[in-house]
Amino acid sequence: MGRTSNTRPRISRDRAHLYFELALFLNETYPQYFRKKYPKGRRDHGLWNGLNLLELDPAEIFKIQA
C-alpha cells in the first residue's frame, strides 16, 4: 500500500495511500522490441514497463457495468 516509491526520501506514513489500477499488456514481445530499439536503454520492469501497458480507470469500467 502506497508507502514505497522510487523517490528519496520514502513516502511518510501520513501520506500512505492505496493505489489500484487495471492494466492490459499491449505487446507480449515488448522486452525483445525494447532491447532491439534501445540497446543501451534501461530495461526496468520487462513486460510490465509502463510503455507496454494500457491503463484503465476502474471507476469508468464500473460505470459502464451499472
PDB file of N, CA and C in Angstrom:
ATOM      1  N   MET A   1       0.832  -1.176   0.000  1.00  0.00           N
ATOM      2  CA  MET A   1       0.000   0.000   0.000  1.00  0.00           C
ATOM      3  C   MET A   1       0.874   1.236   0.000  1.00  0.00           C
ATOM      4  N   GLY A   2       0.881   1.958  -1.060  1.00  0.00           N
ATOM      5  CA  GLY A   2       1.439   3.260  -1.277  1.00  0.00           C
ATOM      6  C   GLY A   2       2.419   3.869  -0.301  1.00  0.00           C
ATOM      7  N   ARG A   3       3.356   3.095   0.199  1.00  0.00           N
ATOM      8  CA  ARG A   3       4.374   3.701   1.048  1.00  0.00           C
ATOM      9  C   ARG A   3       5.745   3.547   0.411  1.00  0.00           C
ATOM     10  N   THR A   4       5.810   2.819  -0.659  1.00  0.00           N
ATOM     11  CA  THR A   4       7.073   2.665  -1.367  1.00  0.00           C
ATOM     12  C   THR A   4       7.061   3.591  -2.570  1.00  0.00           C
ATOM     13  N   SER A   5       8.224   3.986  -3.001  1.00  0.00           N
ATOM     14  CA  SER A   5       8.329   4.830  -4.188  1.00  0.00           C
ATOM     15  C   SER A   5       9.757   4.761  -4.689  1.00  0.00           C
ATOM     16  N   ASN A   6       9.959   5.322  -5.860  1.00  0.00           N
ATOM     17  CA  ASN A   6      11.321   5.360  -6.388  1.00  0.00           C
ATOM     18  C   ASN A   6      11.941   6.733  -6.111  1.00  0.00           C
ATOM     19  N   THR A   7      11.442   7.431  -5.117  1.00  0.00           N
ATOM     20  CA  THR A   7      11.981   8.740  -4.748  1.00  0.00           C
ATOM     21  C   THR A   7      12.673   8.650  -3.401  1.00  0.00           C
ATOM     22  N   ARG A   8      13.497   9.611  -3.109  1.00  0.00           N
ATOM     23  CA  ARG A   8      14.144   9.711  -1.809  1.00  0.00           C
ATOM     24  C   ARG A   8      13.704  11.018  -1.193  1.00  0.00           C
ATOM     25  N   PRO A   9      13.307  11.152   0.013  1.00  0.00           N
ATOM     26  CA  PRO A   9      13.064  10.071   0.962  1.00  0.00           C
ATOM     27  C   PRO A   9      11.763   9.334   0.657  1.00  0.00           C
ATOM     28  N   ARG A  10      11.585   8.202   1.323  1.00  0.00           N
ATOM     29  CA  ARG A  10      10.360   7.414   1.139  1.00  0.00           C
ATOM     30  C   ARG A  10       9.141   8.206   1.574  1.00  0.00           C
ATOM     31  N   ILE A  11       7.977   7.774   1.117  1.00  0.00           N
ATOM     32  CA  ILE A  11       6.723   8.418   1.491  1.00  0.00           C
ATOM     33  C   ILE A  11       6.457   8.170   2.975  1.00  0.00           C
ATOM     34  N   SER A  12       6.077   9.214   3.696  1.00  0.00           N
ATOM     35  CA  SER A  12       5.812   9.073   5.126  1.00  0.00           C
ATOM     36  C   SER A  12       4.481   8.355   5.356  1.00  0.00           C
ATOM     37  N   ARG A  13       4.285   7.857   6.568  1.00  0.00           N
ATOM     38  CA  ARG A  13       3.045   7.139   6.900  1.00  0.00           C
ATOM     39  C   ARG A  13       1.805   7.994   6.673  1.00  0.00           C
ATOM     40  N   ASP A  14       1.878   9.277   6.979  1.00  0.00           N
ATOM     41  CA  ASP A  14       0.698  10.122   6.822  1.00  0.00           C
ATOM     42  C   ASP A  14       0.343  10.377   5.357  1.00  0.00           C
ATOM     43  N   ARG A  15       1.253  10.091   4.439  1.00  0.00           N
ATOM     44  CA  ARG A  15       0.964  10.231   3.007  1.00  0.00           C
ATOM     45  C   ARG A  15       0.707   8.884   2.333  1.00  0.00           C
ATOM     46  N   ALA A  16       0.720   7.802   3.105  1.00  0.00           N
ATOM     47  CA  ALA A  16       0.487   6.474   2.543  1.00  0.00           C
ATOM     48  C   ALA A  16      -0.894   6.425   1.894  1.00  0.00           C
ATOM     49  N   HIS A  17      -1.027   5.617   0.847  1.00  0.00           N
ATOM     50  CA  HIS A  17      -2.273   5.548   0.086  1.00  0.00           C
ATOM     51  C   HIS A  17      -2.410   4.185  -0.577  1.00  0.00           C
ATOM     52  N   LEU A  18      -3.579   3.908  -1.016  1.00  0.00           N
ATOM     53  CA  LEU A  18      -3.839   2.679  -1.755  1.00  0.00           C
ATOM     54  C   LEU A  18      -3.928   3.024  -3.228  1.00  0.00           C
ATOM     55  N   TYR A  19      -3.204   2.290  -4.056  1.00  0.00           N
ATOM     56  CA  TYR A  19      -3.183   2.545  -5.487  1.00  0.00           C
ATOM     57  C   TYR A  19      -3.758   1.328  -6.185  1.00  0.00           C
ATOM     58  N   PHE A  20      -4.767   1.544  -7.021  1.00  0.00           N
ATOM     59  CA  PHE A  20      -5.417   0.441  -7.715  1.00  0.00           C
ATOM     60  C   PHE A  20      -5.631   0.836  -9.167  1.00  0.00           C
ATOM     61  N   GLU A  21      -5.244  -0.043 -10.075  1.00  0.00           N
ATOM     62  CA  GLU A  21      -5.480   0.210 -11.491  1.00  0.00           C
ATOM     63  C   GLU A  21      -5.643  -1.117 -12.209  1.00  0.00           C
ATOM     64  N   LEU A  22      -6.245  -1.061 -13.370  1.00  0.00           N
ATOM     65  CA  LEU A  22      -6.323  -2.204 -14.269  1.00  0.00           C
ATOM     66  C   LEU A  22      -5.417  -1.885 -15.445  1.00  0.00           C
ATOM     67  N   ALA A  23      -4.629  -2.843 -15.858  1.00  0.00           N
ATOM     68  CA  ALA A  23      -3.720  -2.601 -16.971  1.00  0.00           C
ATOM     69  C   ALA A  23      -3.718  -3.813 -17.897  1.00  0.00           C
ATOM     70  N   LEU A  24      -3.619  -3.536 -19.182  1.00  0.00           N
ATOM     71  CA  LEU A  24      -3.556  -4.581 -20.202  1.00  0.00           C
ATOM     72  C   LEU A  24      -2.225  -4.487 -20.926  1.00  0.00           C
ATOM     73  N   PHE A  25      -1.607  -5.633 -21.161  1.00  0.00           N
ATOM     74  CA  PHE A  25      -0.385  -5.649 -21.957  1.00  0.00           C
ATOM     75  C   PHE A  25      -0.726  -5.285 -23.397  1.00  0.00           C
ATOM     76  N   LEU A  26       0.107  -4.452 -24.006  1.00  0.00           N
ATOM     77  CA  LEU A  26      -0.091  -4.107 -25.409  1.00  0.00           C
ATOM     78  C   LEU A  26       0.656  -5.065 -26.327  1.00  0.00           C
ATOM     79  N   ASN A  27       1.789  -5.597 -25.864  1.00  0.00           N
ATOM     80  CA  ASN A  27       2.620  -6.437 -26.721  1.00  0.00           C
ATOM     81  C   ASN A  27       3.361  -7.458 -25.861  1.00  0.00           C
ATOM     82  N   GLU A  28       3.134  -8.732 -26.101  1.00  0.00           N
ATOM     83  CA  GLU A  28       3.792  -9.784 -25.306  1.00  0.00           C
ATOM     84  C   GLU A  28       5.282  -9.891 -25.592  1.00  0.00           C
ATOM     85  N   THR A  29       5.737  -9.333 -26.694  1.00  0.00           N
ATOM     86  CA  THR A  29       7.161  -9.387 -27.029  1.00  0.00           C
ATOM     87  C   THR A  29       7.847  -8.037 -26.800  1.00  0.00           C
ATOM     88  N   TYR A  30       7.257  -7.213 -25.971  1.00  0.00           N
ATOM     89  CA  TYR A  30       7.812  -5.880 -25.717  1.00  0.00           C
ATOM     90  C   TYR A  30       9.270  -5.904 -25.253  1.00  0.00           C
ATOM     91  N   PRO A  31       9.671  -6.782 -24.323  1.00  0.00           N
ATOM     92  CA  PRO A  31      11.083  -6.767 -23.903  1.00  0.00           C
ATOM     93  C   PRO A  31      12.056  -6.971 -25.070  1.00  0.00           C
ATOM     94  N   GLN A  32      11.725  -7.850 -26.011  1.00  0.00           N
ATOM     95  CA  GLN A  32      12.590  -8.061 -27.171  1.00  0.00           C
ATOM     96  C   GLN A  32      12.622  -6.818 -28.064  1.00  0.00           C
ATOM     97  N   TYR A  33      11.447  -6.212 -28.258  1.00  0.00           N
ATOM     98  CA  TYR A  33      11.377  -4.981 -29.059  1.00  0.00           C
ATOM     99  C   TYR A  33      12.238  -3.893 -28.420  1.00  0.00           C
ATOM    100  N   PHE A  34      12.087  -3.713 -27.102  1.00  0.00           N
ATOM    101  CA  PHE A  34      12.814  -2.659 -26.409  1.00  0.00           C
ATOM    102  C   PHE A  34      14.318  -2.875 -26.522  1.00  0.00           C
ATOM    103  N   ARG A  35      14.771  -4.113 -26.341  1.00  0.00           N
ATOM    104  CA  ARG A  35      16.207  -4.435 -26.455  1.00  0.00           C
ATOM    105  C   ARG A  35      16.739  -4.071 -27.831  1.00  0.00           C
ATOM    106  N   LYS A  36      15.950  -4.361 -28.863  1.00  0.00           N
ATOM    107  CA  LYS A  36      16.383  -4.082 -30.236  1.00  0.00           C
ATOM    108  C   LYS A  36      16.361  -2.578 -30.537  1.00  0.00           C
ATOM    109  N   LYS A  37      15.313  -1.897 -30.122  1.00  0.00           N
ATOM    110  CA  LYS A  37      15.139  -0.469 -30.413  1.00  0.00           C
ATOM    111  C   LYS A  37      16.084   0.398 -29.580  1.00  0.00           C
ATOM    112  N   TYR A  38      16.293   0.033 -28.311  1.00  0.00           N
ATOM    113  CA  TYR A  38      17.125   0.814 -27.392  1.00  0.00           C
ATOM    114  C   TYR A  38      18.173  -0.095 -26.745  1.00  0.00           C
ATOM    115  N   PRO A  39      19.189  -0.505 -27.494  1.00  0.00           N
ATOM    116  CA  PRO A  39      20.162  -1.475 -26.967  1.00  0.00           C
ATOM    117  C   PRO A  39      20.877  -1.025 -25.696  1.00  0.00           C
ATOM    118  N   LYS A  40      21.018   0.270 -25.478  1.00  0.00           N
ATOM    119  CA  LYS A  40      21.690   0.755 -24.270  1.00  0.00           C
ATOM    120  C   LYS A  40      20.710   1.302 -23.244  1.00  0.00           C
ATOM    121  N   GLY A  41      19.415   1.193 -23.519  1.00  0.00           N
ATOM    122  CA  GLY A  41      18.401   1.719 -22.608  1.00  0.00           C
ATOM    123  C   GLY A  41      18.199   0.836 -21.396  1.00  0.00           C
ATOM    124  N   ARG A  42      17.711   1.445 -20.309  1.00  0.00           N
ATOM    125  CA  ARG A  42      17.391   0.681 -19.098  1.00  0.00           C
ATOM    126  C   ARG A  42      16.168  -0.170 -19.366  1.00  0.00           C
ATOM    127  N   ARG A  43      16.205  -1.401 -18.941  1.00  0.00           N
ATOM    128  CA  ARG A  43      15.095  -2.331 -19.168  1.00  0.00           C
ATOM    129  C   ARG A  43      14.351  -2.596 -17.869  1.00  0.00           C
ATOM    130  N   ASP A  44      13.925  -1.538 -17.236  1.00  0.00           N
ATOM    131  CA  ASP A  44      13.194  -1.686 -15.977  1.00  0.00           C
ATOM    132  C   ASP A  44      11.843  -2.348 -16.206  1.00  0.00           C
ATOM    133  N   HIS A  45      11.504  -3.289 -15.388  1.00  0.00           N
ATOM    134  CA  HIS A  45      10.182  -3.907 -15.310  1.00  0.00           C
ATOM    135  C   HIS A  45       9.824  -4.849 -16.452  1.00  0.00           C
ATOM    136  N   GLY A  46      10.676  -5.040 -17.438  1.00  0.00           N
ATOM    137  CA  GLY A  46      10.404  -6.006 -18.508  1.00  0.00           C
ATOM    138  C   GLY A  46       9.040  -5.819 -19.143  1.00  0.00           C
ATOM    139  N   LEU A  47       8.251  -6.881 -19.143  1.00  0.00           N
ATOM    140  CA  LEU A  47       6.924  -6.862 -19.749  1.00  0.00           C
ATOM    141  C   LEU A  47       6.014  -5.842 -19.073  1.00  0.00           C
ATOM    142  N   TRP A  48       6.284  -5.535 -17.799  1.00  0.00           N
ATOM    143  CA  TRP A  48       5.451  -4.613 -17.024  1.00  0.00           C
ATOM    144  C   TRP A  48       5.870  -3.158 -17.205  1.00  0.00           C
ATOM    145  N   ASN A  49       6.708  -2.848 -18.182  1.00  0.00           N
ATOM    146  CA  ASN A  49       7.114  -1.478 -18.450  1.00  0.00           C
ATOM    147  C   ASN A  49       5.879  -0.636 -18.764  1.00  0.00           C
ATOM    148  N   GLY A  50       5.801   0.559 -18.207  1.00  0.00           N
ATOM    149  CA  GLY A  50       4.645   1.420 -18.405  1.00  0.00           C
ATOM    150  C   GLY A  50       4.341   1.734 -19.856  1.00  0.00           C
ATOM    151  N   LEU A  51       5.351   1.690 -20.728  1.00  0.00           N
ATOM    152  CA  LEU A  51       5.122   1.930 -22.152  1.00  0.00           C
ATOM    153  C   LEU A  51       4.397   0.770 -22.819  1.00  0.00           C
ATOM    154  N   ASN A  52       4.340  -0.373 -22.143  1.00  0.00           N
ATOM    155  CA  ASN A  52       3.702  -1.564 -22.695  1.00  0.00           C
ATOM    156  C   ASN A  52       2.352  -1.849 -22.040  1.00  0.00           C
ATOM    157  N   LEU A  53       1.821  -0.896 -21.314  1.00  0.00           N
ATOM    158  CA  LEU A  53       0.564  -1.117 -20.606  1.00  0.00           C
ATOM    159  C   LEU A  53      -0.486  -0.093 -21.023  1.00  0.00           C
ATOM    160  N   LEU A  54      -1.692  -0.555 -21.171  1.00  0.00           N
ATOM    161  CA  LEU A  54      -2.841   0.320 -21.359  1.00  0.00           C
ATOM    162  C   LEU A  54      -3.547   0.363 -20.011  1.00  0.00           C
ATOM    163  N   GLU A  55      -3.484   1.499 -19.354  1.00  0.00           N
ATOM    164  CA  GLU A  55      -4.070   1.615 -18.023  1.00  0.00           C
ATOM    165  C   GLU A  55      -5.517   2.068 -18.133  1.00  0.00           C
ATOM    166  N   LEU A  56      -6.365   1.422 -17.363  1.00  0.00           N
ATOM    167  CA  LEU A  56      -7.793   1.711 -17.378  1.00  0.00           C
ATOM    168  C   LEU A  56      -8.233   2.196 -16.004  1.00  0.00           C
ATOM    169  N   ASP A  57      -9.126   3.164 -15.992  1.00  0.00           N
ATOM    170  CA  ASP A  57      -9.670   3.681 -14.742  1.00  0.00           C
ATOM    171  C   ASP A  57     -10.817   2.766 -14.303  1.00  0.00           C
ATOM    172  N   PRO A  58     -10.665   2.026 -13.206  1.00  0.00           N
ATOM    173  CA  PRO A  58     -11.712   1.097 -12.768  1.00  0.00           C
ATOM    174  C   PRO A  58     -13.056   1.778 -12.556  1.00  0.00           C
ATOM    175  N   ALA A  59     -13.061   3.025 -12.092  1.00  0.00           N
ATOM    176  CA  ALA A  59     -14.328   3.731 -11.863  1.00  0.00           C
ATOM    177  C   ALA A  59     -15.117   3.846 -13.161  1.00  0.00           C
ATOM    178  N   GLU A  60     -14.443   4.107 -14.261  1.00  0.00           N
ATOM    179  CA  GLU A  60     -15.125   4.219 -15.550  1.00  0.00           C
ATOM    180  C   GLU A  60     -15.698   2.871 -15.990  1.00  0.00           C
ATOM    181  N   ILE A  61     -14.981   1.795 -15.723  1.00  0.00           N
ATOM    182  CA  ILE A  61     -15.467   0.462 -16.090  1.00  0.00           C
ATOM    183  C   ILE A  61     -16.701   0.110 -15.260  1.00  0.00           C
ATOM    184  N   PHE A  62     -16.667   0.417 -13.975  1.00  0.00           N
ATOM    185  CA  PHE A  62     -17.840   0.128 -13.128  1.00  0.00           C
ATOM    186  C   PHE A  62     -19.047   0.940 -13.549  1.00  0.00           C
ATOM    187  N   LYS A  63     -18.860   2.153 -14.044  1.00  0.00           N
ATOM    188  CA  LYS A  63     -19.967   2.966 -14.534  1.00  0.00           C
ATOM    189  C   LYS A  63     -20.647   2.288 -15.720  1.00  0.00           C
ATOM    190  N   ILE A  64     -19.858   1.697 -16.611  1.00  0.00           N
ATOM    191  CA  ILE A  64     -20.402   1.027 -17.791  1.00  0.00           C
ATOM    192  C   ILE A  64     -21.235  -0.184 -17.387  1.00  0.00           C
ATOM    193  N   GLN A  65     -20.776  -0.919 -16.355  1.00  0.00           N
ATOM    194  CA  GLN A  65     -21.454  -2.126 -15.922  1.00  0.00           C
ATOM    195  C   GLN A  65     -22.749  -1.848 -15.154  1.00  0.00           C
ATOM    196  N   ALA A  66     -22.895  -0.641 -14.618  1.00  0.00           N
ATOM    197  CA  ALA A  66     -24.050  -0.318 -13.764  1.00  0.00           C
ATOM    198  C   ALA A  66     -25.332  -0.186 -14.560  1.00  0.00           C
TER     199      ALA A  66
END
